Full PDB file with SEQRES, HELIX, SHEET, SSBOND, CRYST1, ORIGX, SCALE, CONECT and MASTER records, all heavy atoms in Angstrom:
SEQRES   1 A   37  TRP SER THR PHE ALA THR GLN PRO ALA TYR PHE LYS ALA          
SEQRES   2 A   37  LEU SER GLY GLY GLU ARG TYR VAL TYR GLU ARG LEU GLU          
SEQRES   3 A   37  ALA ASN GLN LEU PHE ARG CYS VAL ILE ARG TYR                  
SHEET    1 AA1 2 TYR A  10  TYR A  20  0                                        
SHEET    2 AA1 2 LEU A  25  VAL A  34 -1                                        
CRYST1    1.000    1.000    1.000  90.00  90.00  90.00 P 1           1          
ORIGX1      1.000000  0.000000  0.000000        0.00000                         
ORIGX2      0.000000  1.000000  0.000000        0.00000                         
ORIGX3      0.000000  0.000000  1.000000        0.00000                         
SCALE1      1.000000  0.000000  0.000000        0.00000                         
SCALE2      0.000000  1.000000  0.000000        0.00000                         
SCALE3      0.000000  0.000000  1.000000        0.00000                         
ATOM      1  N   TRP A   1       7.627  -7.754  -3.477  1.00  0.00           N  
ATOM      2  CA  TRP A   1       7.501  -6.335  -3.881  1.00  0.00           C  
ATOM      3  C   TRP A   1       8.981  -5.819  -3.985  1.00  0.00           C  
ATOM      4  O   TRP A   1       9.753  -5.981  -3.116  1.00  0.00           O  
ATOM      5  CB  TRP A   1       6.704  -5.512  -2.847  1.00  0.00           C  
ATOM      6  CG  TRP A   1       5.259  -5.975  -2.977  1.00  0.00           C  
ATOM      7  CD1 TRP A   1       4.732  -6.941  -2.110  1.00  0.00           C  
ATOM      8  CD2 TRP A   1       4.237  -5.502  -3.712  1.00  0.00           C  
ATOM      9  NE1 TRP A   1       3.419  -7.002  -2.314  1.00  0.00           N  
ATOM     10  CE2 TRP A   1       3.038  -6.108  -3.282  1.00  0.00           C  
ATOM     11  CE3 TRP A   1       4.174  -4.468  -4.667  1.00  0.00           C  
ATOM     12  CZ2 TRP A   1       1.888  -5.854  -3.877  1.00  0.00           C  
ATOM     13  CZ3 TRP A   1       2.945  -4.158  -5.292  1.00  0.00           C  
ATOM     14  CH2 TRP A   1       1.819  -4.893  -4.913  1.00  0.00           C  
ATOM     15  N   SER A   2       9.242  -5.062  -5.072  1.00  0.00           N  
ATOM     16  CA  SER A   2      10.572  -4.454  -5.181  1.00  0.00           C  
ATOM     17  C   SER A   2      10.406  -2.888  -5.449  1.00  0.00           C  
ATOM     18  O   SER A   2       9.470  -2.507  -6.206  1.00  0.00           O  
ATOM     19  CB  SER A   2      11.276  -5.094  -6.374  1.00  0.00           C  
ATOM     20  OG  SER A   2      10.598  -4.943  -7.541  1.00  0.00           O  
ATOM     21  N   THR A   3      11.230  -2.138  -4.791  1.00  0.00           N  
ATOM     22  CA  THR A   3      11.145  -0.732  -4.850  1.00  0.00           C  
ATOM     23  C   THR A   3      11.762  -0.246  -6.228  1.00  0.00           C  
ATOM     24  O   THR A   3      12.921  -0.637  -6.530  1.00  0.00           O  
ATOM     25  CB  THR A   3      11.865  -0.019  -3.715  1.00  0.00           C  
ATOM     26  OG1 THR A   3      11.246  -0.483  -2.488  1.00  0.00           O  
ATOM     27  CG2 THR A   3      11.850   1.497  -3.824  1.00  0.00           C  
ATOM     28  N   PHE A   4      11.063   0.491  -7.002  1.00  0.00           N  
ATOM     29  CA  PHE A   4      11.617   1.077  -8.219  1.00  0.00           C  
ATOM     30  C   PHE A   4      11.867   2.495  -8.122  1.00  0.00           C  
ATOM     31  O   PHE A   4      12.522   3.090  -9.067  1.00  0.00           O  
ATOM     32  CB  PHE A   4      10.783   0.595  -9.395  1.00  0.00           C  
ATOM     33  CG  PHE A   4       9.414   1.245  -9.520  1.00  0.00           C  
ATOM     34  CD1 PHE A   4       9.086   2.433 -10.040  1.00  0.00           C  
ATOM     35  CD2 PHE A   4       8.317   0.557  -8.937  1.00  0.00           C  
ATOM     36  CE1 PHE A   4       7.805   2.914 -10.127  1.00  0.00           C  
ATOM     37  CE2 PHE A   4       7.019   1.072  -9.012  1.00  0.00           C  
ATOM     38  CZ  PHE A   4       6.757   2.364  -9.586  1.00  0.00           C  
ATOM     39  N   ALA A   5      11.316   3.250  -7.091  1.00  0.00           N  
ATOM     40  CA  ALA A   5      11.656   4.626  -6.967  1.00  0.00           C  
ATOM     41  C   ALA A   5      11.339   5.131  -5.545  1.00  0.00           C  
ATOM     42  O   ALA A   5      10.483   4.487  -4.967  1.00  0.00           O  
ATOM     43  CB  ALA A   5      10.762   5.399  -7.971  1.00  0.00           C  
ATOM     44  N   THR A   6      12.006   6.117  -5.161  1.00  0.00           N  
ATOM     45  CA  THR A   6      11.753   6.805  -3.866  1.00  0.00           C  
ATOM     46  C   THR A   6      11.443   8.303  -4.231  1.00  0.00           C  
ATOM     47  O   THR A   6      12.295   8.920  -4.922  1.00  0.00           O  
ATOM     48  CB  THR A   6      12.976   6.742  -2.921  1.00  0.00           C  
ATOM     49  OG1 THR A   6      13.256   5.304  -2.700  1.00  0.00           O  
ATOM     50  CG2 THR A   6      12.655   7.331  -1.605  1.00  0.00           C  
ATOM     51  N   GLN A   7      10.313   8.785  -3.712  1.00  0.00           N  
ATOM     52  CA  GLN A   7       9.863  10.085  -4.160  1.00  0.00           C  
ATOM     53  C   GLN A   7       9.456  10.956  -2.959  1.00  0.00           C  
ATOM     54  O   GLN A   7       8.959  10.385  -2.024  1.00  0.00           O  
ATOM     55  CB  GLN A   7       8.606   9.985  -5.048  1.00  0.00           C  
ATOM     56  CG  GLN A   7       8.716   9.222  -6.332  1.00  0.00           C  
ATOM     57  CD  GLN A   7       9.175  10.276  -7.350  1.00  0.00           C  
ATOM     58  OE1 GLN A   7      10.114   9.899  -8.050  1.00  0.00           O  
ATOM     59  NE2 GLN A   7       8.707  11.441  -7.448  1.00  0.00           N  
ATOM     60  N   PRO A   8       9.730  12.268  -3.034  1.00  0.00           N  
ATOM     61  CA  PRO A   8       9.058  13.185  -2.058  1.00  0.00           C  
ATOM     62  C   PRO A   8       7.563  13.234  -2.335  1.00  0.00           C  
ATOM     63  O   PRO A   8       7.173  13.110  -3.504  1.00  0.00           O  
ATOM     64  CB  PRO A   8       9.779  14.519  -2.335  1.00  0.00           C  
ATOM     65  CG  PRO A   8      10.556  14.371  -3.532  1.00  0.00           C  
ATOM     66  CD  PRO A   8      10.618  12.961  -3.957  1.00  0.00           C  
ATOM     67  N   ALA A   9       6.836  13.296  -1.263  1.00  0.00           N  
ATOM     68  CA  ALA A   9       5.381  13.251  -1.517  1.00  0.00           C  
ATOM     69  C   ALA A   9       4.664  14.147  -0.480  1.00  0.00           C  
ATOM     70  O   ALA A   9       5.004  14.493   0.630  1.00  0.00           O  
ATOM     71  CB  ALA A   9       4.803  11.850  -1.344  1.00  0.00           C  
ATOM     72  N   TYR A  10       3.397  14.517  -0.902  1.00  0.00           N  
ATOM     73  CA  TYR A  10       2.354  15.147  -0.031  1.00  0.00           C  
ATOM     74  C   TYR A  10       1.423  13.991   0.363  1.00  0.00           C  
ATOM     75  O   TYR A  10       0.939  13.211  -0.528  1.00  0.00           O  
ATOM     76  CB  TYR A  10       1.619  16.213  -0.792  1.00  0.00           C  
ATOM     77  CG  TYR A  10       0.381  16.761  -0.083  1.00  0.00           C  
ATOM     78  CD1 TYR A  10       0.478  17.617   0.960  1.00  0.00           C  
ATOM     79  CD2 TYR A  10      -0.851  16.423  -0.588  1.00  0.00           C  
ATOM     80  CE1 TYR A  10      -0.596  18.096   1.608  1.00  0.00           C  
ATOM     81  CE2 TYR A  10      -1.945  16.890  -0.002  1.00  0.00           C  
ATOM     82  CZ  TYR A  10      -1.851  17.691   1.106  1.00  0.00           C  
ATOM     83  OH  TYR A  10      -2.950  18.263   1.728  1.00  0.00           O  
ATOM     84  N   PHE A  11       1.165  13.820   1.689  1.00  0.00           N  
ATOM     85  CA  PHE A  11       0.423  12.662   2.068  1.00  0.00           C  
ATOM     86  C   PHE A  11      -0.623  13.210   3.091  1.00  0.00           C  
ATOM     87  O   PHE A  11      -0.296  13.849   4.065  1.00  0.00           O  
ATOM     88  CB  PHE A  11       1.329  11.701   2.732  1.00  0.00           C  
ATOM     89  CG  PHE A  11       0.905  10.285   2.758  1.00  0.00           C  
ATOM     90  CD1 PHE A  11       1.032   9.450   1.702  1.00  0.00           C  
ATOM     91  CD2 PHE A  11       0.235   9.752   3.847  1.00  0.00           C  
ATOM     92  CE1 PHE A  11       0.658   8.170   1.674  1.00  0.00           C  
ATOM     93  CE2 PHE A  11      -0.224   8.447   3.889  1.00  0.00           C  
ATOM     94  CZ  PHE A  11      -0.050   7.706   2.790  1.00  0.00           C  
ATOM     95  N   LYS A  12      -1.903  12.836   2.854  1.00  0.00           N  
ATOM     96  CA  LYS A  12      -3.010  13.356   3.700  1.00  0.00           C  
ATOM     97  C   LYS A  12      -4.089  12.304   3.762  1.00  0.00           C  
ATOM     98  O   LYS A  12      -4.495  11.671   2.774  1.00  0.00           O  
ATOM     99  CB  LYS A  12      -3.554  14.623   3.114  1.00  0.00           C  
ATOM    100  CG  LYS A  12      -4.618  15.247   4.007  1.00  0.00           C  
ATOM    101  CD  LYS A  12      -5.080  16.598   3.489  1.00  0.00           C  
ATOM    102  CE  LYS A  12      -6.145  17.136   4.359  1.00  0.00           C  
ATOM    103  NZ  LYS A  12      -6.682  18.364   3.962  1.00  0.00           N  
ATOM    104  N   ALA A  13      -4.707  12.169   5.043  1.00  0.00           N  
ATOM    105  CA  ALA A  13      -5.811  11.297   5.184  1.00  0.00           C  
ATOM    106  C   ALA A  13      -7.077  11.913   4.474  1.00  0.00           C  
ATOM    107  O   ALA A  13      -7.332  13.113   4.598  1.00  0.00           O  
ATOM    108  CB  ALA A  13      -6.086  11.082   6.676  1.00  0.00           C  
ATOM    109  N   LEU A  14      -7.870  11.030   3.884  1.00  0.00           N  
ATOM    110  CA  LEU A  14      -9.096  11.448   3.223  1.00  0.00           C  
ATOM    111  C   LEU A  14     -10.267  11.011   4.010  1.00  0.00           C  
ATOM    112  O   LEU A  14     -11.073  11.799   4.407  1.00  0.00           O  
ATOM    113  CB  LEU A  14      -9.207  10.928   1.792  1.00  0.00           C  
ATOM    114  CG  LEU A  14      -8.240  11.465   0.844  1.00  0.00           C  
ATOM    115  CD1 LEU A  14      -8.466  10.825  -0.506  1.00  0.00           C  
ATOM    116  CD2 LEU A  14      -8.501  12.960   0.634  1.00  0.00           C  
ATOM    117  N   SER A  15     -10.425   9.723   4.213  1.00  0.00           N  
ATOM    118  CA  SER A  15     -11.587   9.152   4.915  1.00  0.00           C  
ATOM    119  C   SER A  15     -11.319   7.784   5.511  1.00  0.00           C  
ATOM    120  O   SER A  15     -10.324   7.217   5.130  1.00  0.00           O  
ATOM    121  CB  SER A  15     -12.795   9.086   3.889  1.00  0.00           C  
ATOM    122  OG  SER A  15     -12.441   8.043   2.900  1.00  0.00           O  
ATOM    123  N   GLY A  16     -12.152   7.379   6.362  1.00  0.00           N  
ATOM    124  CA  GLY A  16     -11.921   6.129   6.965  1.00  0.00           C  
ATOM    125  C   GLY A  16     -13.306   5.564   7.242  1.00  0.00           C  
ATOM    126  O   GLY A  16     -14.335   6.196   7.247  1.00  0.00           O  
ATOM    127  N   GLY A  17     -13.300   4.279   7.570  1.00  0.00           N  
ATOM    128  CA  GLY A  17     -14.570   3.506   7.741  1.00  0.00           C  
ATOM    129  C   GLY A  17     -14.274   2.065   8.170  1.00  0.00           C  
ATOM    130  O   GLY A  17     -13.252   1.719   8.442  1.00  0.00           O  
ATOM    131  N   GLU A  18     -15.435   1.343   8.181  1.00  0.00           N  
ATOM    132  CA  GLU A  18     -15.326  -0.057   8.484  1.00  0.00           C  
ATOM    133  C   GLU A  18     -16.177  -0.844   7.475  1.00  0.00           C  
ATOM    134  O   GLU A  18     -17.065  -0.274   6.895  1.00  0.00           O  
ATOM    135  CB  GLU A  18     -15.941  -0.309   9.905  1.00  0.00           C  
ATOM    136  CG  GLU A  18     -15.093   0.391  11.013  1.00  0.00           C  
ATOM    137  CD  GLU A  18     -15.781   0.253  12.346  1.00  0.00           C  
ATOM    138  OE1 GLU A  18     -17.032   0.105  12.405  1.00  0.00           O  
ATOM    139  OE2 GLU A  18     -15.043   0.264  13.372  1.00  0.00           O  
ATOM    140  N   ARG A  19     -15.819  -2.113   7.225  1.00  0.00           N  
ATOM    141  CA  ARG A  19     -16.568  -2.898   6.346  1.00  0.00           C  
ATOM    142  C   ARG A  19     -16.508  -4.345   6.835  1.00  0.00           C  
ATOM    143  O   ARG A  19     -15.605  -4.740   7.704  1.00  0.00           O  
ATOM    144  CB  ARG A  19     -15.988  -2.818   4.961  1.00  0.00           C  
ATOM    145  CG  ARG A  19     -14.601  -3.269   4.844  1.00  0.00           C  
ATOM    146  CD  ARG A  19     -14.012  -3.164   3.433  1.00  0.00           C  
ATOM    147  NE  ARG A  19     -12.574  -3.490   3.507  1.00  0.00           N  
ATOM    148  CZ  ARG A  19     -11.745  -3.097   2.589  1.00  0.00           C  
ATOM    149  NH1 ARG A  19     -12.136  -2.426   1.491  1.00  0.00           N  
ATOM    150  NH2 ARG A  19     -10.471  -3.439   2.710  1.00  0.00           N  
ATOM    151  N   TYR A  20     -17.485  -5.100   6.400  1.00  0.00           N  
ATOM    152  CA  TYR A  20     -17.499  -6.528   6.792  1.00  0.00           C  
ATOM    153  C   TYR A  20     -16.677  -7.377   5.704  1.00  0.00           C  
ATOM    154  O   TYR A  20     -16.989  -7.222   4.503  1.00  0.00           O  
ATOM    155  CB  TYR A  20     -18.850  -7.056   6.901  1.00  0.00           C  
ATOM    156  CG  TYR A  20     -19.454  -6.712   8.255  1.00  0.00           C  
ATOM    157  CD1 TYR A  20     -20.325  -5.737   8.334  1.00  0.00           C  
ATOM    158  CD2 TYR A  20     -19.150  -7.472   9.354  1.00  0.00           C  
ATOM    159  CE1 TYR A  20     -20.919  -5.356   9.603  1.00  0.00           C  
ATOM    160  CE2 TYR A  20     -19.663  -7.205  10.575  1.00  0.00           C  
ATOM    161  CZ  TYR A  20     -20.614  -6.175  10.705  1.00  0.00           C  
ATOM    162  OH  TYR A  20     -21.081  -5.747  11.931  1.00  0.00           O  
ATOM    163  N   VAL A  21     -15.728  -8.106   6.157  1.00  0.00           N  
ATOM    164  CA  VAL A  21     -14.949  -8.944   5.272  1.00  0.00           C  
ATOM    165  C   VAL A  21     -14.893 -10.350   5.855  1.00  0.00           C  
ATOM    166  O   VAL A  21     -14.377 -10.511   6.979  1.00  0.00           O  
ATOM    167  CB  VAL A  21     -13.507  -8.439   5.041  1.00  0.00           C  
ATOM    168  CG1 VAL A  21     -12.711  -9.334   4.160  1.00  0.00           C  
ATOM    169  CG2 VAL A  21     -13.516  -6.997   4.477  1.00  0.00           C  
ATOM    170  N   TYR A  22     -15.459 -11.314   5.191  1.00  0.00           N  
ATOM    171  CA  TYR A  22     -15.486 -12.687   5.732  1.00  0.00           C  
ATOM    172  C   TYR A  22     -16.100 -12.728   7.093  1.00  0.00           C  
ATOM    173  O   TYR A  22     -15.434 -13.346   8.052  1.00  0.00           O  
ATOM    174  CB  TYR A  22     -14.117 -13.394   5.673  1.00  0.00           C  
ATOM    175  CG  TYR A  22     -13.533 -13.448   4.305  1.00  0.00           C  
ATOM    176  CD1 TYR A  22     -12.498 -12.706   3.915  1.00  0.00           C  
ATOM    177  CD2 TYR A  22     -14.205 -14.203   3.317  1.00  0.00           C  
ATOM    178  CE1 TYR A  22     -11.908 -12.797   2.628  1.00  0.00           C  
ATOM    179  CE2 TYR A  22     -13.701 -14.315   2.057  1.00  0.00           C  
ATOM    180  CZ  TYR A  22     -12.559 -13.519   1.742  1.00  0.00           C  
ATOM    181  OH  TYR A  22     -12.041 -13.667   0.456  1.00  0.00           O  
ATOM    182  N   GLU A  23     -17.244 -12.081   7.317  1.00  0.00           N  
ATOM    183  CA  GLU A  23     -17.942 -12.029   8.537  1.00  0.00           C  
ATOM    184  C   GLU A  23     -17.145 -11.506   9.721  1.00  0.00           C  
ATOM    185  O   GLU A  23     -17.363 -11.850  10.940  1.00  0.00           O  
ATOM    186  CB  GLU A  23     -18.435 -13.431   8.931  1.00  0.00           C  
ATOM    187  CG  GLU A  23     -19.445 -13.944   7.879  1.00  0.00           C  
ATOM    188  CD  GLU A  23     -20.015 -15.316   8.241  1.00  0.00           C  
ATOM    189  OE1 GLU A  23     -19.979 -15.750   9.425  1.00  0.00           O  
ATOM    190  OE2 GLU A  23     -20.530 -16.002   7.333  1.00  0.00           O  
ATOM    191  N   ARG A  24     -16.344 -10.561   9.394  1.00  0.00           N  
ATOM    192  CA  ARG A  24     -15.676  -9.832  10.505  1.00  0.00           C  
ATOM    193  C   ARG A  24     -15.528  -8.369  10.163  1.00  0.00           C  
ATOM    194  O   ARG A  24     -15.448  -8.022   8.930  1.00  0.00           O  
ATOM    195  CB  ARG A  24     -14.256 -10.410  10.868  1.00  0.00           C  
ATOM    196  CG  ARG A  24     -13.271 -10.267   9.783  1.00  0.00           C  
ATOM    197  CD  ARG A  24     -11.952 -10.846  10.095  1.00  0.00           C  
ATOM    198  NE  ARG A  24     -11.098 -10.741   8.899  1.00  0.00           N  
ATOM    199  CZ  ARG A  24      -9.899 -10.567   8.891  1.00  0.00           C  
ATOM    200  NH1 ARG A  24      -9.183 -10.588  10.036  1.00  0.00           N  
ATOM    201  NH2 ARG A  24      -9.163 -10.382   7.795  1.00  0.00           N  
ATOM    202  N   LEU A  25     -15.436  -7.533  11.103  1.00  0.00           N  
ATOM    203  CA  LEU A  25     -15.389  -6.107  10.947  1.00  0.00           C  
ATOM    204  C   LEU A  25     -13.897  -5.653  10.667  1.00  0.00           C  
ATOM    205  O   LEU A  25     -13.063  -6.063  11.400  1.00  0.00           O  
ATOM    206  CB  LEU A  25     -15.986  -5.313  12.077  1.00  0.00           C  
ATOM    207  CG  LEU A  25     -16.195  -3.864  11.889  1.00  0.00           C  
ATOM    208  CD1 LEU A  25     -17.272  -3.644  10.811  1.00  0.00           C  
ATOM    209  CD2 LEU A  25     -16.815  -3.297  13.296  1.00  0.00           C  
ATOM    210  N   GLU A  26     -13.645  -4.861   9.609  1.00  0.00           N  
ATOM    211  CA  GLU A  26     -12.276  -4.532   9.283  1.00  0.00           C  
ATOM    212  C   GLU A  26     -12.273  -2.974   9.016  1.00  0.00           C  
ATOM    213  O   GLU A  26     -13.128  -2.576   8.292  1.00  0.00           O  
ATOM    214  CB  GLU A  26     -11.924  -5.303   7.983  1.00  0.00           C  
ATOM    215  CG  GLU A  26     -10.479  -5.104   7.662  1.00  0.00           C  
ATOM    216  CD  GLU A  26     -10.117  -6.007   6.454  1.00  0.00           C  
ATOM    217  OE1 GLU A  26      -9.748  -7.137   6.642  1.00  0.00           O  
ATOM    218  OE2 GLU A  26     -10.151  -5.528   5.348  1.00  0.00           O  
ATOM    219  N   ALA A  27     -11.369  -2.329   9.606  1.00  0.00           N  
ATOM    220  CA  ALA A  27     -11.199  -0.851   9.323  1.00  0.00           C  
ATOM    221  C   ALA A  27     -10.488  -0.580   8.043  1.00  0.00           C  
ATOM    222  O   ALA A  27      -9.553  -1.370   7.782  1.00  0.00           O  
ATOM    223  CB  ALA A  27     -10.434  -0.250  10.587  1.00  0.00           C  
ATOM    224  N   ASN A  28     -10.846   0.430   7.349  1.00  0.00           N  
ATOM    225  CA  ASN A  28     -10.092   0.831   6.237  1.00  0.00           C  
ATOM    226  C   ASN A  28      -9.973   2.356   6.182  1.00  0.00           C  
ATOM    227  O   ASN A  28     -10.847   3.079   6.745  1.00  0.00           O  
ATOM    228  CB  ASN A  28     -10.702   0.293   4.882  1.00  0.00           C  
ATOM    229  CG  ASN A  28     -12.060   0.861   4.625  1.00  0.00           C  
ATOM    230  OD1 ASN A  28     -12.778   1.062   5.549  1.00  0.00           O  
ATOM    231  ND2 ASN A  28     -12.366   1.079   3.373  1.00  0.00           N  
ATOM    232  N   GLN A  29      -8.906   2.810   5.562  1.00  0.00           N  
ATOM    233  CA  GLN A  29      -8.717   4.330   5.539  1.00  0.00           C  
ATOM    234  C   GLN A  29      -8.079   4.608   4.148  1.00  0.00           C  
ATOM    235  O   GLN A  29      -7.176   3.947   3.725  1.00  0.00           O  
ATOM    236  CB  GLN A  29      -7.820   4.791   6.612  1.00  0.00           C  
ATOM    237  CG  GLN A  29      -7.834   6.316   6.682  1.00  0.00           C  
ATOM    238  CD  GLN A  29      -7.256   6.792   8.083  1.00  0.00           C  
ATOM    239  OE1 GLN A  29      -6.828   6.033   8.919  1.00  0.00           O  
ATOM    240  NE2 GLN A  29      -7.257   8.069   8.263  1.00  0.00           N  
ATOM    241  N   LEU A  30      -8.646   5.723   3.575  1.00  0.00           N  
ATOM    242  CA  LEU A  30      -8.071   6.180   2.249  1.00  0.00           C  
ATOM    243  C   LEU A  30      -7.225   7.353   2.500  1.00  0.00           C  
ATOM    244  O   LEU A  30      -7.530   8.257   3.380  1.00  0.00           O  
ATOM    245  CB  LEU A  30      -9.315   6.577   1.314  1.00  0.00           C  
ATOM    246  CG  LEU A  30     -10.104   5.379   0.818  1.00  0.00           C  
ATOM    247  CD1 LEU A  30     -11.285   6.004  -0.098  1.00  0.00           C  
ATOM    248  CD2 LEU A  30      -9.229   4.405   0.043  1.00  0.00           C  
ATOM    249  N   PHE A  31      -6.166   7.572   1.692  1.00  0.00           N  
ATOM    250  CA  PHE A  31      -5.271   8.678   1.875  1.00  0.00           C  
ATOM    251  C   PHE A  31      -4.971   9.291   0.448  1.00  0.00           C  
ATOM    252  O   PHE A  31      -5.087   8.512  -0.597  1.00  0.00           O  
ATOM    253  CB  PHE A  31      -3.977   8.220   2.407  1.00  0.00           C  
ATOM    254  CG  PHE A  31      -3.929   7.750   3.746  1.00  0.00           C  
ATOM    255  CD1 PHE A  31      -4.312   6.474   4.092  1.00  0.00           C  
ATOM    256  CD2 PHE A  31      -3.643   8.707   4.832  1.00  0.00           C  
ATOM    257  CE1 PHE A  31      -4.413   6.040   5.408  1.00  0.00           C  
ATOM    258  CE2 PHE A  31      -3.628   8.223   6.156  1.00  0.00           C  
ATOM    259  CZ  PHE A  31      -4.012   6.927   6.406  1.00  0.00           C  
ATOM    260  N   ARG A  32      -4.673  10.493   0.354  1.00  0.00           N  
ATOM    261  CA  ARG A  32      -4.231  11.143  -0.916  1.00  0.00           C  
ATOM    262  C   ARG A  32      -2.653  11.325  -0.755  1.00  0.00           C  
ATOM    263  O   ARG A  32      -2.116  11.858   0.131  1.00  0.00           O  
ATOM    264  CB  ARG A  32      -4.848  12.563  -1.014  1.00  0.00           C  
ATOM    265  CG  ARG A  32      -4.279  13.329  -2.242  1.00  0.00           C  
ATOM    266  CD  ARG A  32      -4.852  14.704  -2.423  1.00  0.00           C  
ATOM    267  NE  ARG A  32      -6.180  14.547  -2.897  1.00  0.00           N  
ATOM    268  CZ  ARG A  32      -7.259  15.108  -2.371  1.00  0.00           C  
ATOM    269  NH1 ARG A  32      -7.124  15.819  -1.261  1.00  0.00           N  
ATOM    270  NH2 ARG A  32      -8.460  14.915  -2.940  1.00  0.00           N  
ATOM    271  N   CYS A  33      -2.064  10.842  -1.833  1.00  0.00           N  
ATOM    272  CA  CYS A  33      -0.562  10.969  -2.007  1.00  0.00           C  
ATOM    273  C   CYS A  33      -0.260  11.701  -3.293  1.00  0.00           C  
ATOM    274  O   CYS A  33      -0.692  11.143  -4.322  1.00  0.00           O  
ATOM    275  CB  CYS A  33       0.037   9.613  -1.901  1.00  0.00           C  
ATOM    276  SG  CYS A  33       1.832   9.570  -2.153  1.00  0.00           S  
ATOM    277  N   VAL A  34       0.404  12.779  -3.227  1.00  0.00           N  
ATOM    278  CA  VAL A  34       0.685  13.511  -4.475  1.00  0.00           C  
ATOM    279  C   VAL A  34       2.238  13.453  -4.578  1.00  0.00           C  
ATOM    280  O   VAL A  34       3.005  13.843  -3.710  1.00  0.00           O  
ATOM    281  CB  VAL A  34       0.191  14.985  -4.400  1.00  0.00           C  
ATOM    282  CG1 VAL A  34       0.553  15.694  -5.683  1.00  0.00           C  
ATOM    283  CG2 VAL A  34      -1.324  14.956  -4.272  1.00  0.00           C  
ATOM    284  N   ILE A  35       2.683  12.999  -5.854  1.00  0.00           N  
ATOM    285  CA  ILE A  35       4.168  13.041  -6.071  1.00  0.00           C  
ATOM    286  C   ILE A  35       4.260  13.717  -7.493  1.00  0.00           C  
ATOM    287  O   ILE A  35       3.323  14.056  -8.221  1.00  0.00           O  
ATOM    288  CB  ILE A  35       4.670  11.602  -6.222  1.00  0.00           C  
ATOM    289  CG1 ILE A  35       3.883  10.860  -7.360  1.00  0.00           C  
ATOM    290  CG2 ILE A  35       4.598  10.866  -4.877  1.00  0.00           C  
ATOM    291  CD1 ILE A  35       4.504   9.453  -7.581  1.00  0.00           C  
ATOM    292  N   ARG A  36       5.495  14.066  -7.786  1.00  0.00           N  
ATOM    293  CA  ARG A  36       5.866  14.559  -9.200  1.00  0.00           C  
ATOM    294  C   ARG A  36       5.421  13.571 -10.239  1.00  0.00           C  
ATOM    295  O   ARG A  36       5.530  12.372  -9.984  1.00  0.00           O  
ATOM    296  CB  ARG A  36       7.275  14.955  -9.221  1.00  0.00           C  
ATOM    297  CG  ARG A  36       7.619  16.130  -8.418  1.00  0.00           C  
ATOM    298  CD  ARG A  36       8.943  16.622  -8.774  1.00  0.00           C  
ATOM    299  NE  ARG A  36       9.371  17.755  -7.846  1.00  0.00           N  
ATOM    300  CZ  ARG A  36       9.047  19.025  -8.060  1.00  0.00           C  
ATOM    301  NH1 ARG A  36       8.370  19.379  -9.040  1.00  0.00           N  
ATOM    302  NH2 ARG A  36       9.491  19.911  -7.168  1.00  0.00           N  
ATOM    303  N   TYR A  37       5.049  14.060 -11.393  1.00  0.00           N  
ATOM    304  CA  TYR A  37       4.565  13.098 -12.371  1.00  0.00           C  
ATOM    305  C   TYR A  37       5.626  12.094 -12.875  1.00  0.00           C  
ATOM    306  O   TYR A  37       6.743  12.460 -13.000  1.00  0.00           O  
ATOM    307  CB  TYR A  37       4.056  13.973 -13.637  1.00  0.00           C  
ATOM    308  CG  TYR A  37       3.609  13.105 -14.753  1.00  0.00           C  
ATOM    309  CD1 TYR A  37       2.375  12.559 -14.786  1.00  0.00           C  
ATOM    310  CD2 TYR A  37       4.482  12.775 -15.819  1.00  0.00           C  
ATOM    311  CE1 TYR A  37       1.883  11.752 -15.795  1.00  0.00           C  
ATOM    312  CE2 TYR A  37       4.026  11.998 -16.883  1.00  0.00           C  
ATOM    313  CZ  TYR A  37       2.734  11.462 -16.859  1.00  0.00           C  
ATOM    314  OH  TYR A  37       2.338  10.559 -17.804  1.00  0.00           O  
TER     315      TYR A  37                                                      
MASTER        0    0    0    0    2    0    0    6  314    1    0    3          
END                                                                             
């Protein structure tokens, strides 16, 4: 992975949960990130 830009942002948690992946429980969380266009 290579960085192509650094931006100021608004960052906020939206939701979280758990899911089964390969027979194990894994936590996941979604976030909203807003940057300039």
